[in-house]
Amino acid sequence: MKFIIRWLINALLLLLIAYLLQGIEVTSLYIALIAAAILGLVNALIRPIIILITLPINIITLGLFTLVINALLFWFVASFLEGFSISGFWSAFLGSLILSVGSWLSNKFIYNK
């Protein structure tokens, strides 16, 4: 049940991000649900491998390169999903930052009962 709630919250966060930022477009709630699911899969499967490969850069930048990785993966998902588009890197960076913070806050409320 908590998984479904987190998924819905992330989809609603995507819609909010599209409303707040000009460079990000999500056409419908259905597309937001699909994008949230794909982002979850990408973050669970691909992100750890990329972080491991870029570990030296992450160490040098004190972990800040992880923000760049998040933005690139956010942009990557938008590149092949029809109805979810991102116009550039900085839009992806801000969008992924807002999504990460919002997801973290929602997880705090869901799991701290």
N, C-alpha and C. Protein backbone atom coordinates (compact mmCIF):
# COMPACT_ATOMS: atom_id res chain seq x y z
N MET A 1 0.81 -1.20 0.00
CA MET A 1 0.00 0.00 0.00
C MET A 1 0.86 1.26 0.00
N LYS A 2 1.94 1.23 0.80
CA LYS A 2 2.82 2.40 0.85
C LYS A 2 3.49 2.66 -0.49
N PHE A 3 3.77 1.57 -1.21
CA PHE A 3 4.37 1.69 -2.54
C PHE A 3 3.46 2.47 -3.48
N ILE A 4 2.18 2.16 -3.46
CA ILE A 4 1.21 2.84 -4.33
C ILE A 4 1.07 4.30 -3.94
N ILE A 5 1.08 4.58 -2.65
CA ILE A 5 0.99 5.97 -2.19
C ILE A 5 2.22 6.76 -2.64
N ARG A 6 3.40 6.16 -2.50
CA ARG A 6 4.62 6.84 -2.96
C ARG A 6 4.60 7.08 -4.45
N TRP A 7 4.11 6.12 -5.20
CA TRP A 7 4.02 6.24 -6.65
C TRP A 7 3.07 7.38 -7.04
N LEU A 8 1.91 7.45 -6.40
CA LEU A 8 0.95 8.52 -6.68
C LEU A 8 1.50 9.89 -6.30
N ILE A 9 2.18 9.96 -5.16
CA ILE A 9 2.77 11.23 -4.73
C ILE A 9 3.83 11.69 -5.72
N ASN A 10 4.67 10.76 -6.19
CA ASN A 10 5.70 11.13 -7.17
C ASN A 10 5.07 11.59 -8.49
N ALA A 11 3.98 10.95 -8.90
CA ALA A 11 3.29 11.38 -10.12
C ALA A 11 2.71 12.78 -9.93
N LEU A 12 2.11 13.04 -8.78
CA LEU A 12 1.58 14.38 -8.51
C LEU A 12 2.70 15.41 -8.42
N LEU A 13 3.84 15.01 -7.87
CA LEU A 13 5.00 15.91 -7.85
C LEU A 13 5.46 16.24 -9.27
N LEU A 14 5.43 15.26 -10.16
CA LEU A 14 5.79 15.52 -11.56
C LEU A 14 4.85 16.54 -12.19
N LEU A 15 3.56 16.40 -11.90
CA LEU A 15 2.59 17.38 -12.42
C LEU A 15 2.84 18.76 -11.84
N LEU A 16 3.18 18.83 -10.56
CA LEU A 16 3.48 20.11 -9.92
C LEU A 16 4.75 20.73 -10.52
N ILE A 17 5.75 19.92 -10.75
CA ILE A 17 6.99 20.41 -11.35
C ILE A 17 6.72 20.96 -12.75
N ALA A 18 5.90 20.25 -13.52
CA ALA A 18 5.56 20.72 -14.87
C ALA A 18 4.81 22.03 -14.81
N TYR A 19 4.01 22.22 -13.78
CA TYR A 19 3.27 23.47 -13.61
C TYR A 19 4.21 24.61 -13.20
N LEU A 20 5.19 24.32 -12.35
CA LEU A 20 6.09 25.35 -11.83
C LEU A 20 7.19 25.75 -12.79
N LEU A 21 7.75 24.80 -13.51
CA LEU A 21 8.89 25.08 -14.38
C LEU A 21 8.47 25.12 -15.84
N GLN A 22 8.99 26.09 -16.56
CA GLN A 22 8.61 26.25 -17.97
C GLN A 22 9.20 25.19 -18.88
N GLY A 23 10.35 24.67 -18.57
CA GLY A 23 11.03 23.74 -19.47
C GLY A 23 10.57 22.30 -19.37
N ILE A 24 9.63 22.01 -18.48
CA ILE A 24 9.17 20.64 -18.29
C ILE A 24 7.69 20.57 -18.61
N GLU A 25 7.31 19.56 -19.40
CA GLU A 25 5.91 19.41 -19.79
C GLU A 25 5.46 17.98 -19.54
N VAL A 26 4.35 17.84 -18.83
CA VAL A 26 3.69 16.55 -18.62
C VAL A 26 2.26 16.74 -19.08
N THR A 27 1.83 15.93 -20.05
CA THR A 27 0.54 16.19 -20.69
C THR A 27 -0.66 15.71 -19.89
N SER A 28 -0.50 14.67 -19.06
CA SER A 28 -1.67 14.16 -18.33
C SER A 28 -1.22 13.42 -17.08
N LEU A 29 -2.19 13.11 -16.23
CA LEU A 29 -1.92 12.33 -15.04
C LEU A 29 -1.45 10.92 -15.41
N TYR A 30 -2.01 10.37 -16.45
CA TYR A 30 -1.61 9.04 -16.93
C TYR A 30 -0.12 9.02 -17.30
N ILE A 31 0.33 10.03 -18.03
CA ILE A 31 1.75 10.13 -18.40
C ILE A 31 2.60 10.34 -17.16
N ALA A 32 2.12 11.12 -16.20
CA ALA A 32 2.86 11.34 -14.95
C ALA A 32 3.01 10.03 -14.18
N LEU A 33 1.97 9.20 -14.17
CA LEU A 33 2.05 7.91 -13.49
C LEU A 33 3.07 6.99 -14.17
N ILE A 34 3.06 6.98 -15.49
CA ILE A 34 4.03 6.16 -16.23
C ILE A 34 5.45 6.68 -16.00
N ALA A 35 5.62 8.01 -16.06
CA ALA A 35 6.95 8.61 -15.86
C ALA A 35 7.46 8.33 -14.45
N ALA A 36 6.59 8.40 -13.46
CA ALA A 36 7.00 8.12 -12.08
C ALA A 36 7.44 6.67 -11.93
N ALA A 37 6.72 5.76 -12.58
CA ALA A 37 7.09 4.34 -12.52
C ALA A 37 8.44 4.10 -13.21
N ILE A 38 8.62 4.69 -14.38
CA ILE A 38 9.88 4.51 -15.11
C ILE A 38 11.04 5.15 -14.35
N LEU A 39 10.81 6.33 -13.78
CA LEU A 39 11.85 6.98 -12.98
C LEU A 39 12.24 6.11 -11.79
N GLY A 40 11.25 5.48 -11.17
CA GLY A 40 11.55 4.58 -10.06
C GLY A 40 12.39 3.40 -10.49
N LEU A 41 12.06 2.82 -11.63
CA LEU A 41 12.84 1.69 -12.15
C LEU A 41 14.26 2.11 -12.53
N VAL A 42 14.38 3.25 -13.19
CA VAL A 42 15.69 3.75 -13.59
C VAL A 42 16.54 4.05 -12.37
N ASN A 43 15.94 4.67 -11.35
CA ASN A 43 16.68 4.99 -10.13
C ASN A 43 17.06 3.74 -9.35
N ALA A 44 16.28 2.68 -9.47
CA ALA A 44 16.59 1.45 -8.75
C ALA A 44 17.61 0.58 -9.49
N LEU A 45 17.58 0.60 -10.82
CA LEU A 45 18.42 -0.32 -11.58
C LEU A 45 19.67 0.32 -12.20
N ILE A 46 19.51 1.49 -12.81
CA ILE A 46 20.61 2.10 -13.55
C ILE A 46 21.44 3.05 -12.69
N ARG A 47 20.79 3.82 -11.83
CA ARG A 47 21.48 4.83 -11.04
C ARG A 47 22.62 4.26 -10.18
N PRO A 48 22.44 3.13 -9.48
CA PRO A 48 23.57 2.61 -8.68
C PRO A 48 24.79 2.25 -9.52
N ILE A 49 24.56 1.75 -10.72
CA ILE A 49 25.68 1.39 -11.59
C ILE A 49 26.42 2.64 -12.04
N ILE A 50 25.68 3.69 -12.41
CA ILE A 50 26.30 4.93 -12.85
C ILE A 50 27.05 5.59 -11.70
N ILE A 51 26.48 5.56 -10.51
CA ILE A 51 27.16 6.15 -9.36
C ILE A 51 28.45 5.38 -9.05
N LEU A 52 28.42 4.07 -9.20
CA LEU A 52 29.63 3.28 -8.97
C LEU A 52 30.71 3.60 -10.01
N ILE A 53 30.29 3.75 -11.27
CA ILE A 53 31.25 4.07 -12.33
C ILE A 53 31.86 5.45 -12.13
N THR A 54 31.05 6.40 -11.67
CA THR A 54 31.53 7.78 -11.51
C THR A 54 31.97 8.06 -10.07
N LEU A 55 32.29 7.04 -9.33
CA LEU A 55 32.68 7.21 -7.93
C LEU A 55 33.87 8.17 -7.73
N PRO A 56 34.91 8.11 -8.55
CA PRO A 56 36.01 9.07 -8.35
C PRO A 56 35.56 10.54 -8.50
N ILE A 57 34.70 10.80 -9.48
CA ILE A 57 34.20 12.17 -9.66
C ILE A 57 33.32 12.56 -8.48
N ASN A 58 32.52 11.62 -8.00
CA ASN A 58 31.67 11.88 -6.84
C ASN A 58 32.50 12.19 -5.60
N ILE A 59 33.58 11.47 -5.43
CA ILE A 59 34.44 11.73 -4.27
C ILE A 59 35.08 13.11 -4.38
N ILE A 60 35.58 13.46 -5.55
CA ILE A 60 36.22 14.75 -5.75
C ILE A 60 35.24 15.91 -5.53
N THR A 61 34.00 15.73 -5.97
CA THR A 61 33.00 16.81 -5.84
C THR A 61 32.19 16.70 -4.55
N LEU A 62 32.62 15.81 -3.65
CA LEU A 62 31.96 15.61 -2.36
C LEU A 62 30.49 15.21 -2.53
N GLY A 63 30.20 14.43 -3.54
CA GLY A 63 28.86 13.92 -3.77
C GLY A 63 27.95 14.78 -4.60
N LEU A 64 28.40 15.97 -4.96
CA LEU A 64 27.54 16.88 -5.73
C LEU A 64 27.31 16.40 -7.16
N PHE A 65 28.19 15.55 -7.66
CA PHE A 65 27.99 15.02 -9.00
C PHE A 65 26.76 14.13 -9.07
N THR A 66 26.31 13.63 -7.94
CA THR A 66 25.08 12.84 -7.88
C THR A 66 23.88 13.65 -8.36
N LEU A 67 23.89 14.95 -8.10
CA LEU A 67 22.82 15.82 -8.59
C LEU A 67 22.81 15.86 -10.12
N VAL A 68 23.98 15.86 -10.71
CA VAL A 68 24.09 15.85 -12.17
C VAL A 68 23.57 14.51 -12.71
N ILE A 69 23.93 13.42 -12.04
CA ILE A 69 23.45 12.10 -12.46
C ILE A 69 21.93 12.05 -12.39
N ASN A 70 21.35 12.57 -11.30
CA ASN A 70 19.89 12.59 -11.17
C ASN A 70 19.25 13.39 -12.31
N ALA A 71 19.82 14.53 -12.64
CA ALA A 71 19.29 15.35 -13.71
C ALA A 71 19.37 14.64 -15.05
N LEU A 72 20.48 13.99 -15.32
CA LEU A 72 20.65 13.28 -16.59
C LEU A 72 19.69 12.10 -16.71
N LEU A 73 19.45 11.39 -15.62
CA LEU A 73 18.50 10.28 -15.66
C LEU A 73 17.07 10.79 -15.82
N PHE A 74 16.76 11.91 -15.19
CA PHE A 74 15.44 12.55 -15.33
C PHE A 74 15.24 12.94 -16.80
N TRP A 75 16.25 13.52 -17.39
CA TRP A 75 16.21 13.94 -18.80
C TRP A 75 16.14 12.71 -19.71
N PHE A 76 16.85 11.65 -19.34
CA PHE A 76 16.85 10.41 -20.12
C PHE A 76 15.45 9.81 -20.20
N VAL A 77 14.74 9.77 -19.08
CA VAL A 77 13.38 9.23 -19.09
C VAL A 77 12.48 10.07 -19.98
N ALA A 78 12.63 11.38 -19.94
CA ALA A 78 11.81 12.26 -20.77
C ALA A 78 12.15 12.11 -22.25
N SER A 79 13.34 11.62 -22.57
CA SER A 79 13.73 11.52 -23.98
C SER A 79 12.98 10.44 -24.74
N PHE A 80 12.50 9.40 -24.06
CA PHE A 80 11.80 8.35 -24.79
C PHE A 80 10.34 8.18 -24.38
N LEU A 81 9.83 9.02 -23.50
CA LEU A 81 8.44 8.90 -23.08
C LEU A 81 7.63 10.02 -23.74
N GLU A 82 6.72 9.63 -24.59
CA GLU A 82 5.85 10.59 -25.30
C GLU A 82 4.91 11.25 -24.30
N GLY A 83 4.85 12.57 -24.31
CA GLY A 83 3.98 13.31 -23.40
C GLY A 83 4.71 13.86 -22.19
N PHE A 84 5.97 13.50 -22.03
CA PHE A 84 6.82 14.01 -20.95
C PHE A 84 8.08 14.54 -21.60
N SER A 85 8.24 15.86 -21.56
CA SER A 85 9.39 16.45 -22.25
C SER A 85 10.09 17.46 -21.35
N ILE A 86 11.40 17.54 -21.56
CA ILE A 86 12.25 18.48 -20.83
C ILE A 86 13.09 19.21 -21.87
N SER A 87 13.12 20.54 -21.78
CA SER A 87 13.76 21.34 -22.82
C SER A 87 15.28 21.43 -22.71
N GLY A 88 15.84 21.26 -21.52
CA GLY A 88 17.28 21.39 -21.40
C GLY A 88 17.79 20.85 -20.09
N PHE A 89 19.12 20.92 -19.93
CA PHE A 89 19.75 20.36 -18.74
C PHE A 89 19.31 21.07 -17.47
N TRP A 90 19.24 22.40 -17.50
CA TRP A 90 18.92 23.12 -16.27
C TRP A 90 17.48 22.89 -15.84
N SER A 91 16.60 22.72 -16.77
CA SER A 91 15.23 22.34 -16.42
C SER A 91 15.21 20.96 -15.79
N ALA A 92 15.99 20.05 -16.35
CA ALA A 92 16.09 18.70 -15.79
C ALA A 92 16.73 18.74 -14.40
N PHE A 93 17.73 19.59 -14.23
CA PHE A 93 18.41 19.71 -12.95
C PHE A 93 17.45 20.20 -11.87
N LEU A 94 16.74 21.30 -12.16
CA LEU A 94 15.79 21.83 -11.18
C LEU A 94 14.63 20.87 -10.94
N GLY A 95 14.13 20.25 -12.00
CA GLY A 95 13.04 19.30 -11.86
C GLY A 95 13.43 18.10 -11.02
N SER A 96 14.62 17.56 -11.26
CA SER A 96 15.06 16.40 -10.49
C SER A 96 15.33 16.78 -9.04
N LEU A 97 15.80 18.00 -8.82
CA LEU A 97 16.05 18.46 -7.45
C LEU A 97 14.74 18.60 -6.69
N ILE A 98 13.73 19.21 -7.31
CA ILE A 98 12.42 19.35 -6.67
C ILE A 98 11.79 17.99 -6.43
N LEU A 99 11.90 17.09 -7.41
CA LEU A 99 11.34 15.74 -7.26
C LEU A 99 12.04 14.98 -6.13
N SER A 100 13.35 15.11 -6.03
CA SER A 100 14.09 14.42 -4.98
C SER A 100 13.70 14.91 -3.60
N VAL A 101 13.62 16.23 -3.45
CA VAL A 101 13.25 16.80 -2.14
C VAL A 101 11.81 16.45 -1.80
N GLY A 102 10.92 16.57 -2.76
CA GLY A 102 9.52 16.22 -2.52
C GLY A 102 9.33 14.76 -2.19
N SER A 103 10.05 13.90 -2.88
CA SER A 103 9.98 12.47 -2.62
C SER A 103 10.54 12.15 -1.24
N TRP A 104 11.62 12.79 -0.88
CA TRP A 104 12.21 12.59 0.44
C TRP A 104 11.24 13.02 1.54
N LEU A 105 10.61 14.18 1.37
CA LEU A 105 9.64 14.65 2.36
C LEU A 105 8.43 13.72 2.46
N SER A 106 7.94 13.26 1.34
CA SER A 106 6.79 12.36 1.37
C SER A 106 7.16 11.03 2.04
N ASN A 107 8.37 10.55 1.80
CA ASN A 107 8.81 9.31 2.46
C ASN A 107 8.92 9.50 3.97
N LYS A 108 9.34 10.68 4.39
CA LYS A 108 9.42 10.97 5.82
C LYS A 108 8.05 10.87 6.47
N PHE A 109 7.03 11.43 5.80
CA PHE A 109 5.69 11.41 6.36
C PHE A 109 5.06 10.02 6.28
N ILE A 110 5.34 9.27 5.24
CA ILE A 110 4.74 7.94 5.07
C ILE A 110 5.34 6.94 6.06
N TYR A 111 6.65 6.96 6.24
CA TYR A 111 7.31 5.92 7.03
C TYR A 111 7.56 6.31 8.48
N ASN A 112 7.32 7.56 8.88
CA ASN A 112 7.52 7.97 10.27
C ASN A 112 6.19 8.08 11.00
N LYS A 113 5.54 6.97 11.20
CA LYS A 113 4.28 6.97 11.94
C LYS A 113 4.44 6.32 13.27
